[in-house]
C-alpha cells in the first residue's frame, strides 16, 4: 500500500508457531529499497 504521504507499507501474512494466522504491517523507510520499473494496474476492492 502507498499511504497519503507516498510512503510504502507491506503486510506480511503467515502461520505462527501454533498454526494460527498472524500478520505484521511494515513501513519501508525511504532509502532502504530500490524501485523497479513495472506496469501499472488497477486494484479492485469492495
Protein backbone atom coordinates (compact mmCIF):
# COMPACT_ATOMS: atom_id res chain seq x y z
CA UNK A 1 0.00 0.00 0.00
CA UNK A 2 1.07 3.58 -0.57
CA UNK A 3 -0.29 5.97 2.05
CA UNK A 4 -1.35 9.61 1.66
CA UNK A 5 2.27 10.73 2.25
CA UNK A 6 3.68 8.50 -0.50
CA UNK A 7 5.20 6.05 1.99
CA UNK A 8 5.20 2.32 1.18
CA UNK A 9 3.71 -0.32 3.52
CA UNK A 10 3.79 -4.13 3.33
CA UNK A 11 1.56 -6.66 5.07
CA UNK A 12 3.23 -9.99 5.86
CA UNK A 13 0.82 -12.90 6.46
CA UNK A 14 1.98 -16.21 7.93
CA UNK A 15 1.07 -19.03 10.32
CA UNK A 16 2.59 -18.66 13.80
CA UNK A 17 4.18 -21.47 15.86
CA UNK A 18 0.69 -22.61 16.94
CA UNK A 19 -0.57 -22.78 13.34
CA UNK A 20 -2.73 -19.67 13.84
CA UNK A 21 -2.91 -16.93 11.17
CA UNK A 22 -0.80 -13.88 12.02
CA UNK A 23 0.28 -10.72 10.21
CA UNK A 24 2.60 -7.76 10.59
CA UNK A 25 2.41 -4.40 8.84
CA UNK A 26 5.81 -2.96 7.92
CA UNK A 27 6.63 0.58 6.74
CA UNK A 28 9.53 0.77 4.29
CA UNK A 29 11.87 3.62 5.14
CA UNK A 30 12.95 5.90 2.29
CA UNK A 31 16.43 4.96 1.05
CA UNK A 32 16.24 1.33 2.23
CA UNK A 33 14.84 -0.03 -1.05
CA UNK A 34 15.17 0.42 -4.81
CA UNK A 35 12.12 0.99 -7.02
CA UNK A 36 11.87 -1.19 -10.11
CA UNK A 37 10.00 -0.37 -13.28
CA UNK A 38 6.64 -2.14 -13.53
CA UNK A 39 3.37 -1.94 -15.41
CA UNK A 40 0.53 -0.08 -13.68
CA UNK A 41 -2.60 -1.95 -12.66
CA UNK A 42 -5.96 -1.25 -11.04
CA UNK A 43 -6.74 -2.58 -7.58
CA UNK A 44 -10.33 -3.72 -7.14
CA UNK A 45 -11.92 -3.51 -3.69
CA UNK A 46 -15.40 -3.83 -2.28
